[in-house]
Structure formats: structure tokens, C-alpha cells
C-alpha atoms as a PDB file:
ATOM      1  CA  MET A   1      54.674  51.664  -3.813  1.00  0.00           C
ATOM      2  CA  PRO A   2      51.638  51.599  -2.056  1.00  0.00           C
ATOM      3  CA  THR A   3      50.694  47.884  -0.148  1.00  0.00           C
ATOM      4  CA  ALA A   4      48.008  46.479  -2.685  1.00  0.00           C
ATOM      5  CA  PRO A   5      44.142  46.209  -1.849  1.00  0.00           C
ATOM      6  CA  THR A   6      44.176  42.759  -2.354  1.00  0.00           C
ATOM      7  CA  PRO A   7      46.153  39.439  -2.772  1.00  0.00           C
ATOM      8  CA  SER A   8      44.880  39.333  -6.336  1.00  0.00           C
ATOM      9  CA  PHE A   9      46.490  42.822  -7.103  1.00  0.00           C
ATOM     10  CA  GLU A  10      50.178  42.653  -7.763  1.00  0.00           C
ATOM     11  CA  PRO A  11      52.524  46.105  -8.656  1.00  0.00           C
ATOM     12  CA  VAL A  12      52.790  46.646 -11.693  1.00  0.00           C
ATOM     13  CA  GLU A  13      56.257  49.123 -12.127  1.00  0.00           C
ATOM     14  CA  LEU A  14      55.394  52.668 -12.538  1.00  0.00           C
ATOM     15  CA  ALA A  15      57.867  52.816 -15.989  1.00  0.00           C
ATOM     16  CA  ARG A  16      56.243  49.772 -16.946  1.00  0.00           C
ATOM     17  CA  ALA A  17      52.315  51.197 -16.391  1.00  0.00           C
ATOM     18  CA  TYR A  18      52.130  51.881 -20.262  1.00  0.00           C
ATOM     19  CA  LEU A  19      52.493  47.688 -20.928  1.00  0.00           C
ATOM     20  CA  LEU A  20      49.013  47.573 -19.302  1.00  0.00           C
ATOM     21  CA  LEU A  21      47.098  49.514 -21.930  1.00  0.00           C
ATOM     22  CA  ASN A  22      49.743  49.393 -25.169  1.00  0.00           C
ATOM     23  CA  HIS A  23      47.379  46.951 -26.998  1.00  0.00           C
ATOM     24  CA  GLY A  24      44.254  48.787 -27.051  1.00  0.00           C
ATOM     25  CA  PRO A  25      41.931  47.581 -24.502  1.00  0.00           C
ATOM     26  CA  VAL A  26      38.588  49.291 -23.512  1.00  0.00           C
ATOM     27  CA  THR A  27      38.585  50.071 -19.900  1.00  0.00           C
ATOM     28  CA  LEU A  28      36.190  51.338 -17.201  1.00  0.00           C
ATOM     29  CA  VAL A  29      36.827  54.538 -15.809  1.00  0.00           C
ATOM     30  CA  SER A  30      35.602  55.043 -12.184  1.00  0.00           C
ATOM     31  CA  SER A  31      35.327  57.789 -10.996  1.00  0.00           C
ATOM     32  CA  ALA A  32      34.176  59.862  -7.044  1.00  0.00           C
ATOM     33  CA  HIS A  33      33.723  62.781  -5.288  1.00  0.00           C
ATOM     34  CA  GLY A  34      31.924  64.270  -2.330  1.00  0.00           C
ATOM     35  CA  GLY A  35      30.057  60.809  -1.692  1.00  0.00           C
ATOM     36  CA  THR A  36      29.112  59.936  -5.206  1.00  0.00           C
ATOM     37  CA  THR A  37      30.810  57.279  -7.678  1.00  0.00           C
ATOM     38  CA  ASN A  38      30.289  56.274 -11.302  1.00  0.00           C
ATOM     39  CA  VAL A  39      31.916  54.157 -14.010  1.00  0.00           C
ATOM     40  CA  MET A  40      31.907  54.448 -17.468  1.00  0.00           C
ATOM     41  CA  ALA A  41      33.087  52.536 -20.859  1.00  0.00           C
ATOM     42  CA  ALA A  42      36.047  53.881 -22.562  1.00  0.00           C
ATOM     43  CA  ALA A  43      37.647  52.669 -25.717  1.00  0.00           C
ATOM     44  CA  TRP A  44      39.969  55.671 -26.547  1.00  0.00           C
ATOM     45  CA  THR A  45      42.342  55.151 -24.161  1.00  0.00           C
ATOM     46  CA  MET A  46      46.192  55.064 -24.480  1.00  0.00           C
ATOM     47  CA  PRO A  47      49.426  55.552 -22.776  1.00  0.00           C
ATOM     48  CA  LEU A  48      51.318  58.346 -23.697  1.00  0.00           C
ATOM     49  CA  ASP A  49      54.520  58.674 -21.513  1.00  0.00           C
ATOM     50  CA  PHE A  50      56.902  56.713 -19.423  1.00  0.00           C
ATOM     51  CA  ASP A  51      58.383  58.517 -16.753  1.00  0.00           C
ATOM     52  CA  PRO A  52      56.389  59.979 -15.369  1.00  0.00           C
ATOM     53  CA  PRO A  53      53.776  57.726 -16.540  1.00  0.00           C
ATOM     54  CA  LYS A  54      51.024  59.307 -18.328  1.00  0.00           C
ATOM     55  CA  ILE A  55      47.469  58.085 -19.954  1.00  0.00           C
ATOM     56  CA  VAL A  56      45.185  60.030 -22.287  1.00  0.00           C
ATOM     57  CA  VAL A  57      41.155  59.087 -22.311  1.00  0.00           C
ATOM     58  CA  VAL A  58      38.647  60.688 -23.961  1.00  0.00           C
ATOM     59  CA  ILE A  59      35.576  61.618 -21.580  1.00  0.00           C
ATOM     60  CA  ASP A  60      32.936  63.348 -23.101  1.00  0.00           C
ATOM     61  CA  ARG A  61      30.935  66.219 -21.466  1.00  0.00           C
ATOM     62  CA  GLN A  62      27.531  65.005 -21.164  1.00  0.00           C
ATOM     63  CA  THR A  63      28.744  62.241 -18.239  1.00  0.00           C
ATOM     64  CA  LEU A  64      28.691  62.153 -14.763  1.00  0.00           C
ATOM     65  CA  THR A  65      32.035  60.885 -14.653  1.00  0.00           C
ATOM     66  CA  ARG A  66      33.425  63.974 -16.419  1.00  0.00           C
ATOM     67  CA  THR A  67      31.493  66.137 -13.631  1.00  0.00           C
ATOM     68  CA  LEU A  68      33.308  63.374 -10.944  1.00  0.00           C
ATOM     69  CA  ILE A  69      36.696  63.749 -12.567  1.00  0.00           C
ATOM     70  CA  GLU A  70      36.693  67.654 -12.912  1.00  0.00           C
ATOM     71  CA  GLU A  71      35.872  68.112  -8.854  1.00  0.00           C
ATOM     72  CA  SER A  72      38.166  65.577  -8.062  1.00  0.00           C
ATOM     73  CA  GLY A  73      41.289  65.885  -9.992  1.00  0.00           C
ATOM     74  CA  GLU A  74      41.646  61.702 -10.317  1.00  0.00           C
ATOM     75  CA  PHE A  75      40.343  58.711 -11.828  1.00  0.00           C
ATOM     76  CA  ALA A  76      40.663  54.656 -12.258  1.00  0.00           C
ATOM     77  CA  LEU A  77      41.286  53.028 -15.346  1.00  0.00           C
ATOM     78  CA  ASN A  78      39.953  49.290 -14.814  1.00  0.00           C
ATOM     79  CA  ILE A  79      40.818  46.709 -17.765  1.00  0.00           C
ATOM     80  CA  PRO A  80      38.084  43.882 -17.099  1.00  0.00           C
ATOM     81  CA  PRO A  81      38.298  40.676 -19.233  1.00  0.00           C
ATOM     82  CA  ARG A  82      36.089  39.218 -21.847  1.00  0.00           C
ATOM     83  CA  ALA A  83      33.831  37.321 -19.167  1.00  0.00           C
ATOM     84  CA  MET A  84      32.435  41.023 -17.972  1.00  0.00           C
ATOM     85  CA  ALA A  85      31.429  42.002 -21.320  1.00  0.00           C
ATOM     86  CA  ALA A  86      28.057  42.768 -20.832  1.00  0.00           C
ATOM     87  CA  GLN A  87      28.676  44.600 -17.714  1.00  0.00           C
ATOM     88  CA  VAL A  88      30.824  47.006 -19.386  1.00  0.00           C
ATOM     89  CA  LEU A  89      28.039  47.417 -22.374  1.00  0.00           C
ATOM     90  CA  ALA A  90      25.637  48.087 -19.560  1.00  0.00           C
ATOM     91  CA  VAL A  91      27.738  50.996 -18.344  1.00  0.00           C
ATOM     92  CA  GLY A  92      28.914  52.299 -21.554  1.00  0.00           C
ATOM     93  CA  THR A  93      25.254  52.871 -23.055  1.00  0.00           C
ATOM     94  CA  ARG A  94      23.693  54.215 -19.434  1.00  0.00           C
ATOM     95  CA  SER A  95      24.595  57.580 -17.956  1.00  0.00           C
ATOM     96  CA  GLY A  96      25.186  57.977 -14.583  1.00  0.00           C
ATOM     97  CA  LYS A  97      23.134  61.151 -14.266  1.00  0.00           C
ATOM     98  CA  ASP A  98      20.453  59.112 -15.307  1.00  0.00           C
ATOM     99  CA  ALA A  99      21.128  56.120 -13.186  1.00  0.00           C
ATOM    100  CA  GLY A 100      21.927  58.302  -9.956  1.00  0.00           C
ATOM    101  CA  GLY A 101      25.555  57.260  -9.594  1.00  0.00           C
ATOM    102  CA  ASP A 102      26.136  54.816  -7.408  1.00  0.00           C
ATOM    103  CA  ASP A 103      23.053  52.973  -8.821  1.00  0.00           C
ATOM    104  CA  LYS A 104      24.993  51.963 -11.723  1.00  0.00           C
ATOM    105  CA  PHE A 105      27.540  49.761  -9.768  1.00  0.00           C
ATOM    106  CA  ALA A 106      24.086  48.348  -8.436  1.00  0.00           C
ATOM    107  CA  LEU A 107      22.496  47.793 -11.587  1.00  0.00           C
ATOM    108  CA  THR A 108      25.385  46.000 -13.181  1.00  0.00           C
ATOM    109  CA  GLY A 109      26.273  44.188 -10.519  1.00  0.00           C
ATOM    110  CA  LEU A 110      30.028  45.624 -10.010  1.00  0.00           C
ATOM    111  CA  THR A 111      31.601  45.316  -6.763  1.00  0.00           C
ATOM    112  CA  THR A 112      34.637  47.633  -6.372  1.00  0.00           C
ATOM    113  CA  ARG A 113      37.739  48.012  -3.490  1.00  0.00           C
ATOM    114  CA  PRO A 114      39.000  51.392  -2.624  1.00  0.00           C
ATOM    115  CA  GLY A 115      42.110  52.573  -4.327  1.00  0.00           C
ATOM    116  CA  THR A 116      45.429  53.105  -3.296  1.00  0.00           C
ATOM    117  CA  ARG A 117      46.718  56.644  -4.293  1.00  0.00           C
ATOM    118  CA  VAL A 118      43.143  57.668  -5.536  1.00  0.00           C
ATOM    119  CA  ALA A 119      39.227  58.155  -4.341  1.00  0.00           C
ATOM    120  CA  ALA A 120      37.933  56.530  -7.419  1.00  0.00           C
ATOM    121  CA  PRO A 121      37.091  52.868  -6.759  1.00  0.00           C
ATOM    122  CA  LEU A 122      38.881  49.837  -8.221  1.00  0.00           C
ATOM    123  CA  ILE A 123      36.250  47.370  -9.733  1.00  0.00           C
ATOM    124  CA  GLU A 124      36.982  43.955  -8.347  1.00  0.00           C
ATOM    125  CA  GLY A 125      37.012  41.393 -11.493  1.00  0.00           C
ATOM    126  CA  CYS A 126      39.369  43.567 -13.802  1.00  0.00           C
ATOM    127  CA  LEU A 127      42.615  42.242 -14.587  1.00  0.00           C
ATOM    128  CA  ALA A 128      44.823  45.789 -14.575  1.00  0.00           C
ATOM    129  CA  TRP A 129      44.236  48.928 -12.815  1.00  0.00           C
ATOM    130  CA  LEU A 130      45.533  52.200 -13.015  1.00  0.00           C
ATOM    131  CA  GLU A 131      45.155  54.998 -10.140  1.00  0.00           C
ATOM    132  CA  CYS A 132      45.590  58.744 -12.132  1.00  0.00           C
ATOM    133  CA  ARG A 133      45.652  62.127 -11.177  1.00  0.00           C
ATOM    134  CA  VAL A 134      44.534  64.872 -13.847  1.00  0.00           C
ATOM    135  CA  LEU A 135      47.007  66.788 -15.228  1.00  0.00           C
ATOM    136  CA  PRO A 136      44.854  69.488 -16.129  1.00  0.00           C
ATOM    137  CA  GLU A 137      45.261  70.706 -20.191  1.00  0.00           C
ATOM    138  CA  THR A 138      42.151  72.947 -20.143  1.00  0.00           C
ATOM    139  CA  HIS A 139      42.898  73.292 -24.014  1.00  0.00           C
ATOM    140  CA  ASN A 140      42.607  69.717 -24.305  1.00  0.00           C
ATOM    141  CA  GLN A 141      39.601  68.724 -21.979  1.00  0.00           C
ATOM    142  CA  GLN A 142      37.241  71.546 -23.363  1.00  0.00           C
ATOM    143  CA  ARG A 143      37.984  71.514 -27.302  1.00  0.00           C
ATOM    144  CA  TYR A 144      38.319  67.768 -27.607  1.00  0.00           C
ATOM    145  CA  ASP A 145      37.531  65.997 -24.657  1.00  0.00           C
ATOM    146  CA  LEU A 146      40.721  64.809 -23.765  1.00  0.00           C
ATOM    147  CA  PHE A 147      41.730  64.165 -20.317  1.00  0.00           C
ATOM    148  CA  ILE A 148      45.288  63.227 -19.541  1.00  0.00           C
ATOM    149  CA  GLY A 149      46.227  61.576 -16.152  1.00  0.00           C
ATOM    150  CA  GLU A 150      49.767  61.126 -14.960  1.00  0.00           C
ATOM    151  CA  VAL A 151      49.632  57.407 -13.434  1.00  0.00           C
ATOM    152  CA  LEU A 152      50.536  57.143  -9.127  1.00  0.00           C
ATOM    153  CA  ALA A 153      49.912  53.382  -8.987  1.00  0.00           C
ATOM    154  CA  ALA A 154      49.410  50.384 -11.477  1.00  0.00           C
ATOM    155  CA  TRP A 155      48.395  46.927 -10.264  1.00  0.00           C
ATOM    156  CA  ALA A 156      47.630  43.667 -12.243  1.00  0.00           C
ATOM    157  CA  ASP A 157      45.872  40.371 -11.588  1.00  0.00           C
ATOM    158  CA  PRO A 158      49.441  38.130 -12.091  1.00  0.00           C
ATOM    159  CA  ARG A 159      46.942  35.039 -13.489  1.00  0.00           C
ATOM    160  CA  ALA A 160      46.717  37.736 -16.892  1.00  0.00           C
ATOM    161  CA  PHE A 161      49.948  39.888 -16.337  1.00  0.00           C
ATOM    162  CA  SER A 162      52.863  39.312 -14.899  1.00  0.00           C
ATOM    163  CA  ASP A 163      56.610  39.718 -15.461  1.00  0.00           C
ATOM    164  CA  ASN A 164      55.260  43.193 -17.823  1.00  0.00           C
ATOM    165  CA  ARG A 165      53.581  40.572 -19.919  1.00  0.00           C
ATOM    166  CA  TRP A 166      49.966  39.759 -20.833  1.00  0.00           C
ATOM    167  CA  HIS A 167      49.509  36.225 -20.868  1.00  0.00           C
ATOM    168  CA  PHE A 168      45.750  35.129 -20.727  1.00  0.00           C
ATOM    169  CA  PRO A 169      44.836  31.686 -19.172  1.00  0.00           C
ATOM    170  CA  ASP A 170      41.363  31.167 -20.971  1.00  0.00           C
ATOM    171  CA  ALA A 171      39.035  32.707 -23.512  1.00  0.00           C
ATOM    172  CA  ALA A 172      37.111  34.701 -20.400  1.00  0.00           C
ATOM    173  CA  THR A 173      40.061  36.213 -18.998  1.00  0.00           C
ATOM    174  CA  ARG A 174      40.955  38.064 -22.260  1.00  0.00           C
ATOM    175  CA  THR A 175      40.852  41.656 -23.173  1.00  0.00           C
ATOM    176  CA  MET A 176      38.380  43.228 -25.091  1.00  0.00           C
ATOM    177  CA  HIS A 177      38.348  45.568 -28.024  1.00  0.00           C
ATOM    178  CA  TYR A 178      35.096  47.705 -28.612  1.00  0.00           C
ATOM    179  CA  VAL A 179      33.949  47.786 -32.020  1.00  0.00           C
ATOM    180  CA  ALA A 180      30.527  49.742 -32.507  1.00  0.00           C
ATOM    181  CA  GLY A 181      26.790  48.498 -31.911  1.00  0.00           C
ATOM    182  CA  GLY A 182      27.637  46.130 -28.627  1.00  0.00           C
ATOM    183  CA  SER A 183      30.232  44.241 -30.353  1.00  0.00           C
ATOM    184  CA  PHE A 184      33.902  43.583 -29.045  1.00  0.00           C
ATOM    185  CA  PHE A 185      36.870  41.731 -30.435  1.00  0.00           C
ATOM    186  CA  ALA A 186      39.070  39.916 -27.744  1.00  0.00           C
ATOM    187  CA  THR A 187      42.648  40.238 -27.637  1.00  0.00           C
ATOM    188  CA  GLY A 188      43.924  37.630 -29.968  1.00  0.00           C
ATOM    189  CA  GLU A 189      46.806  34.592 -29.802  1.00  0.00           C
ATOM    190  CA  GLU A 190      50.182  35.993 -28.518  1.00  0.00           C
ATOM    191  CA  PHE A 191      52.964  35.476 -31.831  1.00  0.00           C
ATOM    192  CA  SER A 192      56.518  36.624 -32.039  1.00  0.00           C
ATOM    193  CA  VAL A 193      58.373  37.235 -35.335  1.00  0.00           C
ATOM    194  CA  ALA A 194      62.054  36.825 -34.796  1.00  0.00           C
END
């Protein structure tokens, strides 16, 4: 497995990468190609397979992110905490085509670090990251805006995810679920049924 970008990143076993998305959090999709980077919010993201690990994400054809992903063949999914809700809403309601790509990061104050397996940047302050390459399925992409990605590397902040389990230390570090119109739900309390 590649070396993690910083000590706050711990590798997640690829066969367990699905656990990062299994509970349905909103994600930030980052992309890069030809010197342009962009980020968009995506609520329609889910795990698809274990080995090799795959995910699916819906990316509208009108977005700069879509253009960059189609040109580069890769992207990253970043899982933000509740503390980043305003930034998630901001990148989800502005077009990178209008903002000029990199300006979207500056506009929202999002900072990045390099990915280990893809050119798409990883967003600082998130709780988990999945670096993906597109598995071309032209019919799904054109008809449904549905992209399948193979997870090449997965990382998590051990304060919120370790031993293959989410454990949120406080309200600000819970993941979010987008409802509509600027409203979110925070991931709730864990409980088990014996």
C-alpha cells in the first residue's frame, strides 16, 4: 500500500474500503486534469463491490468535475465532517465552470494535499478519502451520469475511523447526509442489536 500523505491519514484495507461509504455520507468529489482542479458535492455515492473494491457516483454532465474526470480517468472521494457543512453546501451550489476551477477551493477555504495514486487532490479536514480510477462504462455514464470507480487507495482519520469502524468523538466530526435545500442530517448514535 502507498505511503500515507500525513500522519493524520491511516490506510484502510482495500477490501474494507466499502465501510467508509456504507452509511451513505455526503462526499466531496475532487478531480484534476491539465493543471485544472475542481471539487463538487455528491450525495449519490455508494459502495459497489469488494474485490477489487468499487464505488458508484452520479456526476452530472454539466459539471467541470465531469469534464475533468472524463479527461483524466480518475477522481477522489472525500468524506467531510459536519464541521465542513457550509463548505460542502458552497461547493455543491456553485459550478466550477463559473468559478474558474481552482477558485472554488479559494472561495471556500478548502485546502488540499496530493493523492498517492491519482492526480485528484485530497481535501484537508475530511474524515476519509478514496482514490479511484474510472472503470469506463460509456452507456451508464452517458445515459445515467453514473460513474464506476475502482478504489486504488483508501485512507481514514483514525480519530473517527479505525479497526474498520466509525466512532465519532464529537458532534462536529460526525459525517453528514444531504436532504435538500441546504439541509443535512448528521450521522446518529451507534447502536447494536444482539
